[in-house]
């Protein structure tokens, strides 16, 4: 079965410290849903129209598991904690077998 991935890039974060409340809720919600954080805010080398700001990659055992994690009550509570002034490009994608 192909794995599922959360891929998110934050082109604009006006208050990086404001993400703390979100991170404190999102991390446990992702782990409880079977997610594994592969990269979060690590170094980025951007090319072409790339963005060098915060990037996050999370792996799940399947696309369905990734979608269910996003829709979970625990993760939706984390979403409410996201601060004003952030911009995020968030996608759930299916890996290749």
C-alpha atoms as a PDB file:
ATOM      1  CA  UNK A   1       0.000   0.000   0.000  1.00  0.00           C
ATOM      2  CA  UNK A   2       1.284   3.469  -0.868  1.00  0.00           C
ATOM      3  CA  UNK A   3       2.080   5.769   2.020  1.00  0.00           C
ATOM      4  CA  UNK A   4       0.409   9.123   2.578  1.00  0.00           C
ATOM      5  CA  UNK A   5       2.216  12.377   3.281  1.00  0.00           C
ATOM      6  CA  UNK A   6       1.402  15.755   4.692  1.00  0.00           C
ATOM      7  CA  UNK A   7       3.472  18.381   2.910  1.00  0.00           C
ATOM      8  CA  UNK A   8       3.277  21.948   4.125  1.00  0.00           C
ATOM      9  CA  UNK A   9       5.247  25.095   3.460  1.00  0.00           C
ATOM     10  CA  UNK A  10       4.778  28.349   5.323  1.00  0.00           C
ATOM     11  CA  UNK A  11       5.480  31.258   2.923  1.00  0.00           C
ATOM     12  CA  UNK A  12       4.572  33.816   5.590  1.00  0.00           C
ATOM     13  CA  UNK A  13       4.702  33.657   9.361  1.00  0.00           C
ATOM     14  CA  UNK A  14       4.442  37.043  11.016  1.00  0.00           C
ATOM     15  CA  UNK A  15       4.730  35.596  14.537  1.00  0.00           C
ATOM     16  CA  UNK A  16       6.891  32.418  14.677  1.00  0.00           C
ATOM     17  CA  UNK A  17       6.479  32.242  18.466  1.00  0.00           C
ATOM     18  CA  UNK A  18       2.719  32.114  17.917  1.00  0.00           C
ATOM     19  CA  UNK A  19       3.079  28.628  16.401  1.00  0.00           C
ATOM     20  CA  UNK A  20       4.009  27.200  19.816  1.00  0.00           C
ATOM     21  CA  UNK A  21       0.407  26.526  20.872  1.00  0.00           C
ATOM     22  CA  UNK A  22      -0.306  24.855  17.530  1.00  0.00           C
ATOM     23  CA  UNK A  23       2.876  22.736  17.735  1.00  0.00           C
ATOM     24  CA  UNK A  24       2.010  21.576  21.269  1.00  0.00           C
ATOM     25  CA  UNK A  25      -1.375  20.281  20.080  1.00  0.00           C
ATOM     26  CA  UNK A  26      -0.486  19.161  16.565  1.00  0.00           C
ATOM     27  CA  UNK A  27       2.492  16.968  17.487  1.00  0.00           C
ATOM     28  CA  UNK A  28       0.558  14.636  19.808  1.00  0.00           C
ATOM     29  CA  UNK A  29      -2.433  14.584  17.418  1.00  0.00           C
ATOM     30  CA  UNK A  30      -0.207  13.546  14.507  1.00  0.00           C
ATOM     31  CA  UNK A  31       1.595  10.857  16.520  1.00  0.00           C
ATOM     32  CA  UNK A  32      -1.710   9.481  17.890  1.00  0.00           C
ATOM     33  CA  UNK A  33      -2.934   9.133  14.295  1.00  0.00           C
ATOM     34  CA  UNK A  34       0.179   7.189  13.293  1.00  0.00           C
ATOM     35  CA  UNK A  35       2.103  10.042  11.685  1.00  0.00           C
ATOM     36  CA  UNK A  36       5.887  10.267  11.660  1.00  0.00           C
ATOM     37  CA  UNK A  37       7.524  13.661  11.301  1.00  0.00           C
ATOM     38  CA  UNK A  38      10.288  13.327   8.703  1.00  0.00           C
ATOM     39  CA  UNK A  39      11.265  16.997   8.575  1.00  0.00           C
ATOM     40  CA  UNK A  40      10.108  20.115  10.383  1.00  0.00           C
ATOM     41  CA  UNK A  41      11.701  23.473   9.932  1.00  0.00           C
ATOM     42  CA  UNK A  42      15.065  21.985   8.985  1.00  0.00           C
ATOM     43  CA  UNK A  43      17.434  23.638   6.550  1.00  0.00           C
ATOM     44  CA  UNK A  44      15.995  24.326   3.106  1.00  0.00           C
ATOM     45  CA  UNK A  45      17.852  24.808  -0.162  1.00  0.00           C
ATOM     46  CA  UNK A  46      15.362  26.396  -2.543  1.00  0.00           C
ATOM     47  CA  UNK A  47      15.549  26.389  -6.329  1.00  0.00           C
ATOM     48  CA  UNK A  48      13.474  27.996  -9.062  1.00  0.00           C
ATOM     49  CA  UNK A  49      10.389  29.502  -7.377  1.00  0.00           C
ATOM     50  CA  UNK A  50      11.189  27.746  -4.112  1.00  0.00           C
ATOM     51  CA  UNK A  51      10.450  29.076  -0.669  1.00  0.00           C
ATOM     52  CA  UNK A  52      13.082  28.931   2.062  1.00  0.00           C
ATOM     53  CA  UNK A  53      10.694  29.374   4.983  1.00  0.00           C
ATOM     54  CA  UNK A  54       9.515  26.593   7.293  1.00  0.00           C
ATOM     55  CA  UNK A  55       8.671  23.306   5.548  1.00  0.00           C
ATOM     56  CA  UNK A  56       7.147  20.201   7.163  1.00  0.00           C
ATOM     57  CA  UNK A  57       6.952  16.612   5.874  1.00  0.00           C
ATOM     58  CA  UNK A  58       4.946  13.961   7.763  1.00  0.00           C
ATOM     59  CA  UNK A  59       4.546  10.323   6.703  1.00  0.00           C
ATOM     60  CA  UNK A  60       1.546   8.030   7.312  1.00  0.00           C
ATOM     61  CA  UNK A  61       1.063   4.376   6.389  1.00  0.00           C
ATOM     62  CA  UNK A  62      -1.587   5.308   3.787  1.00  0.00           C
ATOM     63  CA  UNK A  63      -3.315   8.258   2.159  1.00  0.00           C
ATOM     64  CA  UNK A  64      -6.498   7.334   3.995  1.00  0.00           C
ATOM     65  CA  UNK A  65      -4.672   7.455   7.338  1.00  0.00           C
ATOM     66  CA  UNK A  66      -3.232  10.874   6.442  1.00  0.00           C
ATOM     67  CA  UNK A  67      -6.668  12.243   5.549  1.00  0.00           C
ATOM     68  CA  UNK A  68      -8.224  10.790   8.718  1.00  0.00           C
ATOM     69  CA  UNK A  69      -5.463  12.364  10.808  1.00  0.00           C
ATOM     70  CA  UNK A  70      -6.183  15.784   9.309  1.00  0.00           C
ATOM     71  CA  UNK A  71      -9.915  15.375   9.909  1.00  0.00           C
ATOM     72  CA  UNK A  72      -9.461  14.094  13.485  1.00  0.00           C
ATOM     73  CA  UNK A  73     -10.899  16.040  16.380  1.00  0.00           C
ATOM     74  CA  UNK A  74      -7.456  16.326  17.981  1.00  0.00           C
ATOM     75  CA  UNK A  75      -5.858  17.871  14.889  1.00  0.00           C
ATOM     76  CA  UNK A  76      -8.790  20.204  14.290  1.00  0.00           C
ATOM     77  CA  UNK A  77      -8.249  21.551  17.828  1.00  0.00           C
ATOM     78  CA  UNK A  78      -4.643  22.261  16.851  1.00  0.00           C
ATOM     79  CA  UNK A  79      -5.831  24.125  13.748  1.00  0.00           C
ATOM     80  CA  UNK A  80      -7.833  26.495  15.945  1.00  0.00           C
ATOM     81  CA  UNK A  81      -4.566  27.356  17.737  1.00  0.00           C
ATOM     82  CA  UNK A  82      -2.838  28.548  14.549  1.00  0.00           C
ATOM     83  CA  UNK A  83      -2.100  32.248  14.985  1.00  0.00           C
ATOM     84  CA  UNK A  84      -3.320  35.084  12.812  1.00  0.00           C
ATOM     85  CA  UNK A  85      -0.820  36.216  10.227  1.00  0.00           C
ATOM     86  CA  UNK A  86       0.389  32.841   9.026  1.00  0.00           C
ATOM     87  CA  UNK A  87       0.110  31.549   5.481  1.00  0.00           C
ATOM     88  CA  UNK A  88       0.443  27.848   4.741  1.00  0.00           C
ATOM     89  CA  UNK A  89       0.407  25.719   1.596  1.00  0.00           C
ATOM     90  CA  UNK A  90      -0.789  22.341   2.940  1.00  0.00           C
ATOM     91  CA  UNK A  91      -1.292  19.188   0.856  1.00  0.00           C
ATOM     92  CA  UNK A  92      -1.993  15.542   1.515  1.00  0.00           C
ATOM     93  CA  UNK A  93      -0.391  13.419  -1.180  1.00  0.00           C
ATOM     94  CA  UNK A  94      -0.115   9.725  -1.961  1.00  0.00           C
ATOM     95  CA  UNK A  95       3.320   8.170  -2.249  1.00  0.00           C
ATOM     96  CA  UNK A  96       4.446   5.653  -4.819  1.00  0.00           C
ATOM     97  CA  UNK A  97       4.377   1.960  -3.896  1.00  0.00           C
END
